[in-house]
Amino acid sequence: DLIGGQVQMAFVTLSSALPYIKTGKVKALAIASAKRMDAIAEVPTFGEAGLGSFQAATWFGLLAPAALPQDLQDRIYKDVSAVVSAPAARAQLAEMGAEIDNSSPQAFRQTIAAESKRWAEAVRVSGAKPD
């Protein structure tokens, strides 16, 4: 809809917008992240653009059942680390606009807890109610 002119503005993931930003079909005004992204380093954060400290960065992670044995967690983390450390994988992810933060399972749990708390507060303040 943005490219077709039906809407004037959109919040989208960098990976979906990057090809259109690079070809000039859309213009990135600000990024909803705490820091600038390497793929579009010239685009300011919301804070740098004077739009407040809004942050809604997209992140991805692997989740498993809580009862997953620790040795299997460690093996998955080690294997994923090897994949995302490979130069070819890093290059492909960077081309998509991704920045790799291969945190430990413990650090990722902290990220999820912090994000859950932050977004729960946003929902509370908005007055939104689940149907």
C-alpha atoms as a PDB file:
ATOM      1  CA  ASP A   1       0.000   0.000   0.000  1.00  0.00           C
ATOM      2  CA  LEU A   2       2.867   2.395   0.720  1.00  0.00           C
ATOM      3  CA  ILE A   3       4.547   1.802  -2.625  1.00  0.00           C
ATOM      4  CA  GLY A   4       1.173   1.928  -4.380  1.00  0.00           C
ATOM      5  CA  GLY A   5       0.333   5.278  -2.777  1.00  0.00           C
ATOM      6  CA  GLN A   6      -2.688   4.097  -0.770  1.00  0.00           C
ATOM      7  CA  VAL A   7      -1.004   5.090   2.502  1.00  0.00           C
ATOM      8  CA  GLN A   8       1.440   7.913   3.197  1.00  0.00           C
ATOM      9  CA  MET A   9       3.438   6.263   5.959  1.00  0.00           C
ATOM     10  CA  ALA A  10       4.065   2.806   7.392  1.00  0.00           C
ATOM     11  CA  PHE A  11       5.965   1.107  10.194  1.00  0.00           C
ATOM     12  CA  VAL A  12       7.666  -1.896   8.633  1.00  0.00           C
ATOM     13  CA  THR A  13      10.571  -4.202   9.328  1.00  0.00           C
ATOM     14  CA  LEU A  14      13.862  -3.159   7.809  1.00  0.00           C
ATOM     15  CA  SER A  15      14.221  -6.466   5.979  1.00  0.00           C
ATOM     16  CA  SER A  16      10.944  -5.879   4.117  1.00  0.00           C
ATOM     17  CA  ALA A  17      11.620  -2.212   3.354  1.00  0.00           C
ATOM     18  CA  LEU A  18      15.349  -2.262   2.578  1.00  0.00           C
ATOM     19  CA  PRO A  19      15.071  -3.171  -1.116  1.00  0.00           C
ATOM     20  CA  TYR A  20      12.620  -0.292  -1.635  1.00  0.00           C
ATOM     21  CA  ILE A  21      14.750   2.120   0.361  1.00  0.00           C
ATOM     22  CA  LYS A  22      17.797   1.194  -1.736  1.00  0.00           C
ATOM     23  CA  THR A  23      15.921   1.758  -5.010  1.00  0.00           C
ATOM     24  CA  GLY A  24      14.371   5.017  -3.813  1.00  0.00           C
ATOM     25  CA  LYS A  25      10.779   3.764  -3.978  1.00  0.00           C
ATOM     26  CA  VAL A  26      10.332   4.654  -0.299  1.00  0.00           C
ATOM     27  CA  LYS A  27      12.166   7.021   1.980  1.00  0.00           C
ATOM     28  CA  ALA A  28      13.131   5.967   5.480  1.00  0.00           C
ATOM     29  CA  LEU A  29      12.444   8.841   7.864  1.00  0.00           C
ATOM     30  CA  ALA A  30      13.561   7.307  11.152  1.00  0.00           C
ATOM     31  CA  ILE A  31      14.315   3.938  12.675  1.00  0.00           C
ATOM     32  CA  ALA A  32      12.552   2.714  15.818  1.00  0.00           C
ATOM     33  CA  SER A  33      15.704   1.368  17.389  1.00  0.00           C
ATOM     34  CA  ALA A  34      18.025   2.532  20.146  1.00  0.00           C
ATOM     35  CA  LYS A  35      20.844   2.949  17.647  1.00  0.00           C
ATOM     36  CA  ARG A  36      21.244   3.415  13.931  1.00  0.00           C
ATOM     37  CA  MET A  37      21.311   0.351  11.713  1.00  0.00           C
ATOM     38  CA  ASP A  38      24.397  -0.349   9.598  1.00  0.00           C
ATOM     39  CA  ALA A  39      22.328  -1.079   6.466  1.00  0.00           C
ATOM     40  CA  ILE A  40      20.857   2.445   6.522  1.00  0.00           C
ATOM     41  CA  ALA A  41      23.373   4.293   8.671  1.00  0.00           C
ATOM     42  CA  GLU A  42      22.278   7.651   7.274  1.00  0.00           C
ATOM     43  CA  VAL A  43      18.752   7.229   8.704  1.00  0.00           C
ATOM     44  CA  PRO A  44      18.412   8.653  12.230  1.00  0.00           C
ATOM     45  CA  THR A  45      16.742   6.978  15.162  1.00  0.00           C
ATOM     46  CA  PHE A  46      13.434   8.418  16.344  1.00  0.00           C
ATOM     47  CA  GLY A  47      15.290  10.156  19.167  1.00  0.00           C
ATOM     48  CA  GLU A  48      17.857  11.685  16.825  1.00  0.00           C
ATOM     49  CA  ALA A  49      15.041  12.895  14.558  1.00  0.00           C
ATOM     50  CA  GLY A  50      13.394  14.692  17.494  1.00  0.00           C
ATOM     51  CA  LEU A  51      10.478  12.274  17.616  1.00  0.00           C
ATOM     52  CA  GLY A  52      10.922  11.007  21.173  1.00  0.00           C
ATOM     53  CA  SER A  53      12.518   7.824  22.339  1.00  0.00           C
ATOM     54  CA  PHE A  54      10.065   5.448  20.636  1.00  0.00           C
ATOM     55  CA  GLN A  55      11.578   2.008  20.174  1.00  0.00           C
ATOM     56  CA  ALA A  56       9.952  -0.951  18.483  1.00  0.00           C
ATOM     57  CA  ALA A  57      12.858  -2.790  16.947  1.00  0.00           C
ATOM     58  CA  THR A  58      12.214  -6.210  15.481  1.00  0.00           C
ATOM     59  CA  TRP A  59      14.201  -9.091  16.882  1.00  0.00           C
ATOM     60  CA  PHE A  60      14.181 -12.810  16.292  1.00  0.00           C
ATOM     61  CA  GLY A  61      15.155 -15.700  18.496  1.00  0.00           C
ATOM     62  CA  LEU A  62      14.789 -19.402  18.998  1.00  0.00           C
ATOM     63  CA  LEU A  63      12.352 -20.679  21.608  1.00  0.00           C
ATOM     64  CA  ALA A  64      11.933 -24.195  22.944  1.00  0.00           C
ATOM     65  CA  PRO A  65       9.868 -25.941  25.599  1.00  0.00           C
ATOM     66  CA  ALA A  66      10.865 -24.884  29.126  1.00  0.00           C
ATOM     67  CA  ALA A  67      11.756 -28.477  29.986  1.00  0.00           C
ATOM     68  CA  LEU A  68      14.405 -28.733  27.241  1.00  0.00           C
ATOM     69  CA  PRO A  69      17.484 -30.320  28.853  1.00  0.00           C
ATOM     70  CA  GLN A  70      20.387 -27.927  29.467  1.00  0.00           C
ATOM     71  CA  ASP A  71      22.816 -29.981  27.378  1.00  0.00           C
ATOM     72  CA  LEU A  72      20.481 -29.708  24.380  1.00  0.00           C
ATOM     73  CA  GLN A  73      20.077 -25.955  24.955  1.00  0.00           C
ATOM     74  CA  ASP A  74      23.856 -25.616  25.004  1.00  0.00           C
ATOM     75  CA  ARG A  75      24.244 -27.641  21.811  1.00  0.00           C
ATOM     76  CA  ILE A  76      21.608 -25.618  19.940  1.00  0.00           C
ATOM     77  CA  TYR A  77      23.229 -22.368  21.075  1.00  0.00           C
ATOM     78  CA  LYS A  78      26.659 -23.606  19.978  1.00  0.00           C
ATOM     79  CA  ASP A  79      25.361 -24.744  16.564  1.00  0.00           C
ATOM     80  CA  VAL A  80      23.427 -21.519  15.932  1.00  0.00           C
ATOM     81  CA  SER A  81      26.484 -19.510  16.974  1.00  0.00           C
ATOM     82  CA  ALA A  82      28.565 -21.371  14.412  1.00  0.00           C
ATOM     83  CA  VAL A  83      26.030 -20.675  11.655  1.00  0.00           C
ATOM     84  CA  VAL A  84      25.589 -16.962  12.359  1.00  0.00           C
ATOM     85  CA  SER A  85      29.359 -16.541  12.702  1.00  0.00           C
ATOM     86  CA  ALA A  86      29.994 -17.941   9.237  1.00  0.00           C
ATOM     87  CA  PRO A  87      31.036 -15.159   6.829  1.00  0.00           C
ATOM     88  CA  ALA A  88      28.479 -16.186   4.180  1.00  0.00           C
ATOM     89  CA  ALA A  89      25.613 -16.157   6.675  1.00  0.00           C
ATOM     90  CA  ARG A  90      26.725 -12.830   8.141  1.00  0.00           C
ATOM     91  CA  ALA A  91      26.918 -11.295   4.664  1.00  0.00           C
ATOM     92  CA  GLN A  92      23.486 -12.576   3.680  1.00  0.00           C
ATOM     93  CA  LEU A  93      21.897 -11.348   6.897  1.00  0.00           C
ATOM     94  CA  ALA A  94      23.602  -7.951   6.580  1.00  0.00           C
ATOM     95  CA  GLU A  95      22.279  -7.619   3.022  1.00  0.00           C
ATOM     96  CA  MET A  96      18.787  -8.095   4.466  1.00  0.00           C
ATOM     97  CA  GLY A  97      19.430  -5.333   7.005  1.00  0.00           C
ATOM     98  CA  ALA A  98      19.892  -7.679   9.952  1.00  0.00           C
ATOM     99  CA  GLU A  99      22.373  -7.066  12.712  1.00  0.00           C
ATOM    100  CA  ILE A 100      23.429 -10.170  14.595  1.00  0.00           C
ATOM    101  CA  ASP A 101      23.281 -10.235  18.375  1.00  0.00           C
ATOM    102  CA  ASN A 102      23.801 -13.878  19.179  1.00  0.00           C
ATOM    103  CA  SER A 103      23.219 -13.528  22.889  1.00  0.00           C
ATOM    104  CA  SER A 104      23.290 -16.412  25.306  1.00  0.00           C
ATOM    105  CA  PRO A 105      20.062 -18.194  26.258  1.00  0.00           C
ATOM    106  CA  GLN A 106      20.210 -16.452  29.637  1.00  0.00           C
ATOM    107  CA  ALA A 107      20.599 -13.001  28.053  1.00  0.00           C
ATOM    108  CA  PHE A 108      17.776 -13.756  25.619  1.00  0.00           C
ATOM    109  CA  ARG A 109      15.496 -14.654  28.533  1.00  0.00           C
ATOM    110  CA  GLN A 110      16.290 -11.232  30.018  1.00  0.00           C
ATOM    111  CA  THR A 111      15.488  -9.565  26.677  1.00  0.00           C
ATOM    112  CA  ILE A 112      12.127 -11.318  26.506  1.00  0.00           C
ATOM    113  CA  ALA A 113      11.321 -10.352  30.111  1.00  0.00           C
ATOM    114  CA  ALA A 114      12.234  -6.699  29.491  1.00  0.00           C
ATOM    115  CA  GLU A 115      10.256  -6.537  26.235  1.00  0.00           C
ATOM    116  CA  SER A 116       7.240  -8.198  27.867  1.00  0.00           C
ATOM    117  CA  LYS A 117       7.302  -5.655  30.688  1.00  0.00           C
ATOM    118  CA  ARG A 118       7.717  -2.709  28.299  1.00  0.00           C
ATOM    119  CA  TRP A 119       4.921  -3.777  25.944  1.00  0.00           C
ATOM    120  CA  ALA A 120       2.597  -4.741  28.810  1.00  0.00           C
ATOM    121  CA  GLU A 121       2.924  -1.158  30.040  1.00  0.00           C
ATOM    122  CA  ALA A 122       2.220   0.169  26.534  1.00  0.00           C
ATOM    123  CA  VAL A 123      -0.923  -1.959  26.317  1.00  0.00           C
ATOM    124  CA  ARG A 124      -2.024  -0.833  29.776  1.00  0.00           C
ATOM    125  CA  VAL A 125      -1.537   2.841  28.931  1.00  0.00           C
ATOM    126  CA  SER A 126      -3.351   2.439  25.599  1.00  0.00           C
ATOM    127  CA  GLY A 127      -6.443   1.020  27.283  1.00  0.00           C
ATOM    128  CA  ALA A 128      -6.545  -1.871  24.814  1.00  0.00           C
ATOM    129  CA  LYS A 129      -8.519  -4.873  25.993  1.00  0.00           C
ATOM    130  CA  PRO A 130      -8.305  -8.404  24.583  1.00  0.00           C
ATOM    131  CA  ASP A 131     -11.540  -9.615  23.010  1.00  0.00           C
END
